[in-house]
Amino acid sequence: MNHPAPTGRTPLHPDLARARWLLMGLFALTGITFSSWLARIPTVRDALGLSTAELGGILLIGSVGALLTVTASGIVVQRFGSRRAILASTVVLAVGYVLMGIGPTTGSVALLAVGIFLNGVAVALGNVPINVESGRIERAMGRTVIPQFHAAFSIGAVTGSAIGAAASHLDVPVAAQFTVIAAVAVVWRLASLRGVVLPYAPDEMPRARIAPAAPGAPKGGRRIASALDSWREPRTLLIGVVVMAAALSEGSANDWLSLAVVDGFDRTEAVGGIVLGLFVASMTVVRLLGTRLLDRLGRVVVLRASGVVSIVGLLLFGLAPSFELAGIGVALWGFGAALAVPVGIAAASDDPLRAAGRVAVVSSFASVASIAAPPLLGIAAESIGARHALSLIAVAMVVSVLLAKQVAPQRTTVVPPPATGELDDELAALVATTPRAVPTPS
């Protein structure tokens, strides 16, 4: 949604302020768990004696687990709520992380594969509710804040990489590291559950369109139908394409940028890591500071500008005759890649009761990108080199620019409150008794 540029800050309701910071912490934790595992992949590979191809196949299992889960996670959130979905993902994450540590320690590829699959499931099941809640907090605050949550993820990812690098340098066994990470994640998430989910506000409900349930449908049927209906909405599917292009851009940098620098410019692995850090830092800065641009200019203008900047950065990196110019291209690429995913999530969250289903749909598109991009870019890199292969992502960014209009705020029609019996008893009670969480007057 577009918010008027704030002329001053009003104190936030304590519940809203607490939910915002707790959710920021969960995004950061997601980044930590994600990257601390990635940093130890070389150790895991060597412990099990895996070839690069074998390792790639095992890592793909995690992406498949995420894709299979994200398609159903919207239904889970819609039916049981964000709090229970986060709790379930916490349990799965803990089991998966421990197995990912035990597998290499015991020489069991099977345990590692199961752990990676469960980790993919946990990521997908946990990402949908925290993104849904970020949209609800943004609506309650009345200004753009979703990119800041994604900045917290980026900061967490850098922190997790540092943890993994330090553990590797100190020869900490992966089983010990992953068990500690799992324990910290469980405690962190459980401590956040009580205050991280805002209650629904009464004025959110009349705006939301509720899909009719079939006669005799079980309790919760309307919300499940609402989640499934999201797959038949052209706007939601096109937003998914925008998010897929953004995920392809960001994910390809994570997977291939360091290698492209090493091979394309004959630089050391350390220099490749520094260039990747430049990309992540560029994204993080724009996610922290770009919220005012979104409030002033709106989603469509910012998304189009982001796409153009990404295209320029990608082409400059891929075609630049010097390493210095390529570095400028990487920074521009990071600037342009920063806001596309948060903008897509915000657009999918416009209608509060349909947010879970729609966020699940667009997240599914991102999962497809994570599965398809590595092998496709690998094939291209074999023919034209990794640096030039990354330039091909500019085509996806052109598509994102052309579809930018789809992220415009959705105009929902205010309708009379539903008559008795049209909502689940649980939902109706929530509407009647929940206070509005809004900024307090100055």
Protein backbone atom coordinates (compact mmCIF):
# COMPACT_ATOMS: atom_id res chain seq x y z
CA MET A 1 0.00 0.00 0.00
CA ASN A 2 1.04 3.60 -0.51
CA HIS A 3 1.23 5.63 2.67
CA PRO A 4 1.51 9.40 2.91
CA ALA A 5 4.98 10.54 3.78
CA PRO A 6 4.95 10.99 7.55
CA THR A 7 5.61 14.49 8.79
CA GLY A 8 6.36 13.30 12.30
CA ARG A 9 6.46 10.14 14.35
CA THR A 10 3.67 9.37 16.78
CA PRO A 11 4.32 6.98 19.67
CA LEU A 12 3.30 3.44 18.82
CA HIS A 13 0.89 1.44 20.90
CA PRO A 14 3.08 -0.74 23.18
CA ASP A 15 1.64 -3.97 21.76
CA LEU A 16 2.36 -2.81 18.22
CA ALA A 17 5.90 -1.68 19.05
CA ARG A 18 6.62 -4.98 20.78
CA ALA A 19 5.24 -7.02 17.87
CA ARG A 20 7.34 -5.02 15.42
CA TRP A 21 10.62 -5.64 17.22
CA LEU A 22 9.86 -9.27 17.98
CA LEU A 23 9.07 -9.89 14.32
CA MET A 24 12.25 -8.07 13.31
CA GLY A 25 14.09 -10.53 15.53
CA LEU A 26 12.42 -13.52 13.86
CA PHE A 27 13.46 -12.27 10.42
CA ALA A 28 17.04 -11.85 11.69
CA LEU A 29 16.94 -15.35 13.21
CA THR A 30 15.81 -16.77 9.87
CA GLY A 31 18.84 -15.17 8.23
CA ILE A 32 21.15 -16.56 10.92
CA THR A 33 19.91 -20.14 10.62
CA PHE A 34 19.95 -19.95 6.82
CA SER A 35 23.50 -18.70 6.34
CA SER A 36 25.25 -20.38 9.28
CA TRP A 37 24.37 -23.71 7.62
CA LEU A 38 25.50 -22.55 4.17
CA ALA A 39 28.86 -21.47 5.59
CA ARG A 40 29.61 -25.06 6.68
CA ILE A 41 28.69 -26.76 3.39
CA PRO A 42 32.36 -27.31 2.42
CA THR A 43 32.95 -29.08 5.75
CA VAL A 44 29.84 -31.22 5.25
CA ARG A 45 30.92 -32.11 1.71
CA ASP A 46 34.41 -33.14 2.78
CA ALA A 47 33.16 -35.15 5.78
CA LEU A 48 30.94 -37.27 3.53
CA GLY A 49 33.27 -37.33 0.53
CA LEU A 50 30.62 -35.94 -1.81
CA SER A 51 31.29 -34.76 -5.33
CA THR A 52 30.01 -31.36 -6.41
CA ALA A 53 27.22 -33.01 -8.41
CA GLU A 54 26.19 -35.22 -5.48
CA LEU A 55 26.18 -32.25 -3.12
CA GLY A 56 24.07 -30.25 -5.57
CA GLY A 57 21.52 -33.05 -5.75
CA ILE A 58 21.27 -33.27 -1.97
CA LEU A 59 20.91 -29.50 -1.60
CA LEU A 60 18.11 -29.61 -4.17
CA ILE A 61 16.14 -31.80 -1.73
CA GLY A 62 15.78 -28.79 0.56
CA SER A 63 14.38 -26.65 -2.24
CA VAL A 64 11.88 -29.39 -3.11
CA GLY A 65 10.81 -29.60 0.55
CA ALA A 66 10.29 -25.84 0.61
CA LEU A 67 8.28 -25.88 -2.62
CA LEU A 68 6.03 -28.73 -1.47
CA THR A 69 5.39 -27.02 1.85
CA VAL A 70 4.90 -23.43 0.75
CA THR A 71 1.95 -24.42 -1.43
CA ALA A 72 0.15 -25.63 1.71
CA SER A 73 1.50 -23.14 4.23
CA GLY A 74 -1.09 -20.53 3.31
CA ILE A 75 -3.83 -22.99 4.25
CA VAL A 76 -2.05 -23.75 7.53
CA VAL A 77 -1.79 -20.07 8.44
CA GLN A 78 -5.35 -19.37 7.29
CA ARG A 79 -6.77 -22.29 9.28
CA PHE A 80 -4.65 -22.33 12.43
CA GLY A 81 -3.13 -18.85 12.59
CA SER A 82 0.39 -17.46 12.36
CA ARG A 83 1.34 -18.34 15.93
CA ARG A 84 0.70 -22.07 15.50
CA ALA A 85 2.40 -22.10 12.10
CA ILE A 86 5.52 -20.50 13.59
CA LEU A 87 5.45 -23.02 16.45
CA ALA A 88 5.18 -25.96 14.05
CA SER A 89 8.01 -24.63 11.89
CA THR A 90 10.16 -24.25 15.01
CA VAL A 91 9.81 -27.93 15.89
CA VAL A 92 10.60 -29.03 12.32
CA LEU A 93 13.57 -26.64 12.14
CA ALA A 94 15.07 -28.00 15.36
CA VAL A 95 14.82 -31.62 14.21
CA GLY A 96 16.14 -30.81 10.75
CA TYR A 97 19.09 -28.80 12.02
CA VAL A 98 20.17 -31.50 14.46
CA LEU A 99 19.98 -34.15 11.72
CA MET A 100 22.07 -31.95 9.41
CA GLY A 101 24.76 -32.02 12.09
CA ILE A 102 24.50 -35.71 12.93
CA GLY A 103 24.59 -36.85 9.29
CA PRO A 104 28.14 -35.67 8.48
CA THR A 105 29.38 -36.68 11.93
CA THR A 106 28.17 -40.28 11.54
CA GLY A 107 28.90 -40.50 7.82
CA SER A 108 25.21 -40.84 6.96
CA VAL A 109 24.17 -39.15 3.72
CA ALA A 110 20.59 -40.28 4.38
CA LEU A 111 20.38 -38.40 7.69
CA LEU A 112 21.84 -35.31 6.05
CA ALA A 113 19.27 -35.52 3.23
CA VAL A 114 16.38 -35.88 5.69
CA GLY A 115 17.69 -32.95 7.71
CA ILE A 116 18.01 -30.76 4.62
CA PHE A 117 14.49 -31.70 3.52
CA LEU A 118 13.07 -30.82 6.96
CA ASN A 119 15.02 -27.57 6.96
CA GLY A 120 13.39 -26.66 3.64
CA VAL A 121 9.98 -27.51 5.08
CA ALA A 122 10.65 -25.40 8.17
CA VAL A 123 11.82 -22.40 6.14
CA ALA A 124 8.70 -22.45 3.96
CA LEU A 125 6.32 -23.03 6.87
CA GLY A 126 7.93 -20.25 8.89
CA ASN A 127 8.35 -17.66 6.13
CA VAL A 128 4.67 -17.35 5.22
CA PRO A 129 3.38 -16.40 8.72
CA ILE A 130 6.16 -13.91 9.43
CA ASN A 131 5.58 -12.24 6.06
CA VAL A 132 1.83 -12.15 6.71
CA GLU A 133 2.44 -10.55 10.10
CA SER A 134 4.82 -8.01 8.57
CA GLY A 135 1.96 -6.87 6.32
CA ARG A 136 -0.40 -6.56 9.28
CA ILE A 137 2.14 -4.51 11.24
CA GLU A 138 2.64 -2.23 8.24
CA ARG A 139 -1.12 -1.64 7.99
CA ALA A 140 -1.35 -0.91 11.71
CA MET A 141 1.56 1.53 11.63
CA GLY A 142 0.24 3.35 8.58
CA ARG A 143 3.64 3.59 6.87
CA THR A 144 5.93 1.32 4.87
CA VAL A 145 8.04 -0.96 7.08
CA ILE A 146 8.10 -4.36 5.32
CA PRO A 147 11.52 -3.69 3.68
CA GLN A 148 13.00 -3.15 7.13
CA PHE A 149 12.00 -6.69 8.13
CA HIS A 150 13.81 -8.00 5.06
CA ALA A 151 16.81 -5.85 6.00
CA ALA A 152 16.80 -7.65 9.36
CA PHE A 153 16.98 -10.94 7.45
CA SER A 154 19.99 -9.64 5.49
CA ILE A 155 21.72 -8.55 8.70
CA GLY A 156 20.98 -11.95 10.20
CA ALA A 157 22.41 -13.65 7.12
CA VAL A 158 25.68 -11.72 7.45
CA THR A 159 25.78 -12.61 11.16
CA GLY A 160 25.13 -16.27 10.40
CA SER A 161 27.91 -16.32 7.82
CA ALA A 162 30.28 -14.87 10.41
CA ILE A 163 29.21 -17.51 12.94
CA GLY A 164 29.76 -20.28 10.41
CA ALA A 165 33.14 -18.89 9.34
CA ALA A 166 34.28 -18.58 12.96
CA ALA A 167 33.11 -22.12 13.75
CA SER A 168 34.98 -23.41 10.71
CA HIS A 169 38.14 -21.52 11.64
CA LEU A 170 38.01 -22.93 15.18
CA ASP A 171 37.26 -26.46 13.90
CA VAL A 172 33.97 -26.63 15.80
CA PRO A 173 32.20 -29.88 14.85
CA VAL A 174 29.14 -29.26 12.69
CA ALA A 175 27.03 -31.39 15.05
CA ALA A 176 27.91 -29.11 17.97
CA GLN A 177 27.36 -25.91 15.99
CA PHE A 178 24.02 -26.99 14.52
CA THR A 179 22.72 -28.30 17.85
CA VAL A 180 23.52 -24.99 19.54
CA ILE A 181 21.91 -23.05 16.68
CA ALA A 182 18.80 -25.24 16.91
CA ALA A 183 18.55 -24.71 20.68
CA VAL A 184 18.96 -20.95 20.35
CA ALA A 185 16.34 -20.86 17.57
CA VAL A 186 13.81 -22.78 19.67
CA VAL A 187 14.27 -20.54 22.73
CA TRP A 188 14.24 -17.38 20.59
CA ARG A 189 11.07 -18.30 18.74
CA LEU A 190 9.19 -19.54 21.81
CA ALA A 191 10.07 -16.34 23.66
CA SER A 192 8.69 -14.31 20.73
CA LEU A 193 5.42 -16.18 20.18
CA ARG A 194 3.34 -14.42 22.81
CA GLY A 195 3.73 -10.89 21.49
CA VAL A 196 4.70 -11.25 17.83
CA VAL A 197 1.20 -11.84 16.43
CA LEU A 198 -1.19 -8.89 16.53
CA PRO A 199 -4.90 -9.57 17.10
CA TYR A 200 -7.12 -8.87 14.14
CA ALA A 201 -8.74 -5.46 14.30
CA PRO A 202 -12.51 -5.15 13.82
CA ASP A 203 -12.12 -2.75 10.89
CA GLU A 204 -9.94 -5.24 9.00
CA MET A 205 -12.77 -7.74 8.75
CA PRO A 206 -15.48 -5.93 6.74
CA ARG A 207 -12.97 -5.02 4.02
CA ALA A 208 -11.89 -8.62 3.61
CA ARG A 209 -13.73 -10.77 1.13
CA ILE A 210 -14.54 -14.19 2.52
CA ALA A 211 -15.07 -17.08 0.12
CA PRO A 212 -18.40 -18.85 0.72
CA ALA A 213 -18.20 -22.32 2.10
CA ALA A 214 -20.09 -25.26 0.71
CA PRO A 215 -23.12 -26.39 2.73
CA GLY A 216 -22.00 -28.47 5.66
CA ALA A 217 -18.37 -27.39 5.31
CA PRO A 218 -16.33 -27.98 8.46
CA LYS A 219 -15.29 -25.16 10.73
CA GLY A 220 -12.54 -23.15 9.05
CA GLY A 221 -13.70 -24.15 5.57
CA ARG A 222 -14.16 -20.56 4.46
CA ARG A 223 -10.59 -19.67 5.32
CA ILE A 224 -9.23 -22.74 3.54
CA ALA A 225 -11.32 -21.89 0.48
CA SER A 226 -9.96 -18.35 0.62
CA ALA A 227 -6.37 -19.64 0.61
CA LEU A 228 -7.03 -21.96 -2.34
CA ASP A 229 -8.82 -19.24 -4.30
CA SER A 230 -5.58 -17.25 -4.37
CA TRP A 231 -4.25 -19.63 -7.01
CA ARG A 232 -6.99 -18.48 -9.41
CA GLU A 233 -6.38 -14.74 -9.04
CA PRO A 234 -4.56 -13.20 -12.04
CA ARG A 235 -3.16 -10.32 -9.98
CA THR A 236 -1.71 -12.66 -7.36
CA LEU A 237 -0.12 -14.89 -10.01
CA LEU A 238 1.44 -11.91 -11.78
CA ILE A 239 2.79 -10.58 -8.47
CA GLY A 240 4.26 -14.06 -8.08
CA VAL A 241 6.10 -13.61 -11.38
CA VAL A 242 7.50 -10.29 -10.09
CA VAL A 243 8.67 -11.98 -6.89
CA MET A 244 10.11 -14.90 -8.88
CA ALA A 245 12.20 -12.48 -10.95
CA ALA A 246 13.39 -10.76 -7.77
CA ALA A 247 14.20 -14.07 -6.07
CA LEU A 248 16.10 -15.14 -9.19
CA SER A 249 18.15 -11.94 -9.07
CA GLU A 250 18.94 -12.11 -5.35
CA GLY A 251 19.44 -15.88 -5.21
CA SER A 252 21.71 -15.97 -8.24
CA ALA A 253 23.98 -13.41 -6.61
CA ASN A 254 24.20 -15.55 -3.49
CA ASP A 255 24.95 -18.70 -5.51
CA TRP A 256 27.16 -17.44 -8.34
CA LEU A 257 28.53 -13.94 -7.73
CA SER A 258 31.63 -14.98 -5.80
CA LEU A 259 32.48 -17.66 -8.37
CA ALA A 260 31.89 -15.22 -11.23
CA VAL A 261 34.39 -12.78 -9.73
CA VAL A 262 36.99 -15.51 -9.21
CA ASP A 263 36.66 -16.95 -12.71
CA GLY A 264 35.82 -13.78 -14.62
CA PHE A 265 38.50 -11.51 -13.17
CA ASP A 266 41.04 -14.07 -11.91
CA ARG A 267 40.62 -12.90 -8.31
CA THR A 268 40.99 -14.84 -5.08
CA GLU A 269 38.12 -16.48 -3.24
CA ALA A 270 38.45 -13.85 -0.50
CA VAL A 271 37.92 -11.06 -3.04
CA GLY A 272 34.88 -12.90 -4.39
CA GLY A 273 33.48 -13.01 -0.86
CA ILE A 274 34.07 -9.27 -0.44
CA VAL A 275 32.18 -8.53 -3.66
CA LEU A 276 29.28 -10.69 -2.46
CA GLY A 277 29.38 -8.72 0.78
CA LEU A 278 29.12 -5.51 -1.27
CA PHE A 279 25.96 -6.85 -2.91
CA VAL A 280 24.38 -7.80 0.44
CA ALA A 281 25.38 -4.48 2.02
CA SER A 282 23.86 -2.53 -0.89
CA MET A 283 20.59 -4.42 -0.50
CA THR A 284 20.51 -3.95 3.25
CA VAL A 285 21.06 -0.18 3.08
CA VAL A 286 18.26 0.31 0.57
CA ARG A 287 15.90 -1.91 2.57
CA LEU A 288 16.55 0.16 5.67
CA LEU A 289 16.30 3.57 4.00
CA GLY A 290 14.02 2.91 1.04
CA THR A 291 10.77 2.91 2.99
CA ARG A 292 10.45 6.69 2.63
CA LEU A 293 10.77 6.35 -1.14
CA LEU A 294 7.91 3.87 -1.14
CA ASP A 295 5.75 6.19 0.95
CA ARG A 296 6.47 9.18 -1.30
CA LEU A 297 6.54 7.61 -4.76
CA GLY A 298 4.44 4.47 -4.38
CA ARG A 299 5.12 0.82 -5.13
CA VAL A 300 4.78 0.93 -8.90
CA VAL A 301 7.27 3.75 -9.49
CA VAL A 302 9.79 2.29 -7.04
CA LEU A 303 9.51 -1.22 -8.51
CA ARG A 304 10.04 0.09 -12.05
CA ALA A 305 13.02 2.17 -10.98
CA SER A 306 14.45 -0.80 -9.04
CA GLY A 307 14.15 -3.01 -12.10
CA VAL A 308 15.93 -0.49 -14.32
CA VAL A 309 18.76 -0.06 -11.80
CA SER A 310 19.10 -3.87 -11.55
CA ILE A 311 19.30 -4.18 -15.33
CA VAL A 312 22.02 -1.52 -15.53
CA GLY A 313 23.96 -3.17 -12.70
CA LEU A 314 23.69 -6.67 -14.18
CA LEU A 315 24.82 -5.57 -17.62
CA LEU A 316 27.65 -3.50 -16.19
CA PHE A 317 28.89 -6.44 -14.12
CA GLY A 318 28.63 -8.86 -17.02
CA LEU A 319 30.13 -6.66 -19.72
CA ALA A 320 32.48 -4.27 -17.88
CA PRO A 321 36.07 -4.35 -19.16
CA SER A 322 37.52 -3.74 -15.69
CA PHE A 323 37.05 -5.14 -12.20
CA GLU A 324 36.37 -1.66 -10.77
CA LEU A 325 33.48 -1.00 -13.15
CA ALA A 326 32.10 -4.45 -12.44
CA GLY A 327 32.15 -3.61 -8.72
CA ILE A 328 30.02 -0.53 -9.41
CA GLY A 329 27.67 -2.81 -11.33
CA VAL A 330 27.39 -5.13 -8.33
CA ALA A 331 26.46 -2.21 -6.07
CA LEU A 332 23.78 -1.05 -8.53
CA TRP A 333 22.52 -4.62 -8.83
CA GLY A 334 22.17 -4.81 -5.04
CA PHE A 335 20.41 -1.43 -4.89
CA GLY A 336 17.91 -2.56 -7.52
CA ALA A 337 17.33 -6.00 -5.99
CA ALA A 338 16.57 -4.68 -2.51
CA LEU A 339 12.89 -3.72 -2.62
CA ALA A 340 11.26 -6.02 -5.18
CA VAL A 341 10.52 -8.94 -2.84
CA PRO A 342 9.26 -6.72 0.04
CA VAL A 343 7.06 -4.79 -2.41
CA GLY A 344 5.63 -8.05 -3.74
CA ILE A 345 4.90 -9.31 -0.23
CA ALA A 346 3.21 -6.00 0.64
CA ALA A 347 1.06 -6.19 -2.49
CA ALA A 348 0.04 -9.76 -1.68
CA SER A 349 -0.92 -8.65 1.86
CA ASP A 350 -3.31 -5.82 0.90
CA ASP A 351 -6.42 -7.79 1.87
CA PRO A 352 -5.86 -8.99 5.46
CA LEU A 353 -7.99 -12.12 5.35
CA ARG A 354 -6.55 -13.27 2.02
CA ALA A 355 -2.97 -12.37 2.90
CA ALA A 356 -1.91 -15.87 4.01
CA GLY A 357 -3.05 -17.57 0.82
CA ARG A 358 -1.62 -14.87 -1.43
CA VAL A 359 1.73 -14.72 0.35
CA ALA A 360 1.95 -18.51 0.01
CA VAL A 361 1.33 -18.23 -3.73
CA VAL A 362 4.00 -15.60 -4.36
CA SER A 363 6.40 -17.49 -2.09
CA SER A 364 5.83 -20.57 -4.25
CA PHE A 365 7.04 -18.62 -7.26
CA ALA A 366 10.17 -17.66 -5.32
CA SER A 367 10.75 -21.34 -4.48
CA VAL A 368 10.49 -22.25 -8.16
CA ALA A 369 13.21 -19.69 -8.87
CA SER A 370 15.45 -21.21 -6.20
CA ILE A 371 15.06 -24.66 -7.77
CA ALA A 372 15.36 -23.69 -11.43
CA ALA A 373 18.02 -20.99 -11.29
CA PRO A 374 21.13 -22.95 -10.16
CA PRO A 375 21.04 -25.64 -12.87
CA LEU A 376 19.98 -23.23 -15.63
CA LEU A 377 22.68 -20.72 -14.77
CA GLY A 378 25.14 -23.59 -14.44
CA ILE A 379 24.39 -24.71 -18.00
CA ALA A 380 24.78 -21.14 -19.27
CA ALA A 381 28.00 -20.69 -17.29
CA GLU A 382 29.50 -23.76 -18.96
CA SER A 383 29.01 -22.10 -22.34
CA ILE A 384 29.63 -18.40 -21.75
CA GLY A 385 31.15 -18.17 -18.27
CA ALA A 386 29.51 -17.37 -14.92
CA ARG A 387 29.92 -13.60 -15.26
CA HIS A 388 28.18 -13.40 -18.62
CA ALA A 389 25.56 -15.95 -17.52
CA LEU A 390 24.51 -13.64 -14.68
CA SER A 391 23.81 -10.91 -17.24
CA LEU A 392 20.95 -13.07 -18.55
CA ILE A 393 19.01 -12.28 -15.36
CA ALA A 394 18.42 -8.84 -16.86
CA VAL A 395 15.75 -10.48 -19.04
CA ALA A 396 13.79 -11.45 -15.91
CA MET A 397 14.12 -7.91 -14.60
CA VAL A 398 12.63 -6.55 -17.84
CA VAL A 399 9.59 -8.75 -17.17
CA SER A 400 9.42 -7.37 -13.62
CA VAL A 401 9.42 -3.79 -14.92
CA LEU A 402 6.64 -4.60 -17.40
CA LEU A 403 4.50 -6.14 -14.63
CA ALA A 404 5.14 -3.38 -12.07
CA LYS A 405 1.56 -2.09 -12.29
CA GLN A 406 0.33 -5.31 -10.65
CA VAL A 407 1.73 -4.27 -7.26
CA ALA A 408 -0.43 -1.14 -7.09
CA PRO A 409 -2.51 -1.07 -3.87
CA GLN A 410 -5.63 -3.17 -4.20
CA ARG A 411 -8.85 -1.24 -3.83
CA THR A 412 -11.13 -3.28 -1.60
CA THR A 413 -14.78 -2.35 -1.32
CA VAL A 414 -16.13 -1.65 2.13
CA VAL A 415 -19.09 -3.92 2.68
CA PRO A 416 -21.50 -4.22 5.62
CA PRO A 417 -20.42 -6.48 8.47
CA PRO A 418 -21.41 -10.09 7.79
CA ALA A 419 -24.67 -11.34 9.19
CA THR A 420 -24.74 -13.85 12.01
CA GLY A 421 -23.60 -17.25 10.83
CA GLU A 422 -21.51 -16.00 7.91
CA LEU A 423 -18.26 -16.27 9.85
CA ASP A 424 -16.79 -19.05 11.94
CA ASP A 425 -17.76 -18.65 15.60
CA GLU A 426 -14.10 -18.25 16.49
CA LEU A 427 -13.56 -15.54 13.88
CA ALA A 428 -16.75 -13.69 14.77
CA ALA A 429 -15.75 -13.61 18.43
CA LEU A 430 -12.37 -12.26 17.45
CA VAL A 431 -13.97 -9.44 15.48
CA ALA A 432 -16.29 -8.53 18.34
CA THR A 433 -13.76 -8.51 21.15
CA THR A 434 -10.36 -7.53 19.74
CA PRO A 435 -9.16 -3.94 20.28
CA ARG A 436 -7.52 -2.09 17.39
CA ALA A 437 -3.73 -1.98 17.57
CA VAL A 438 -2.85 1.47 16.21
CA PRO A 439 -0.40 4.28 16.97
CA THR A 440 -1.48 6.26 20.00
CA PRO A 441 -2.45 9.90 19.37
CA SER A 442 0.28 12.47 19.88
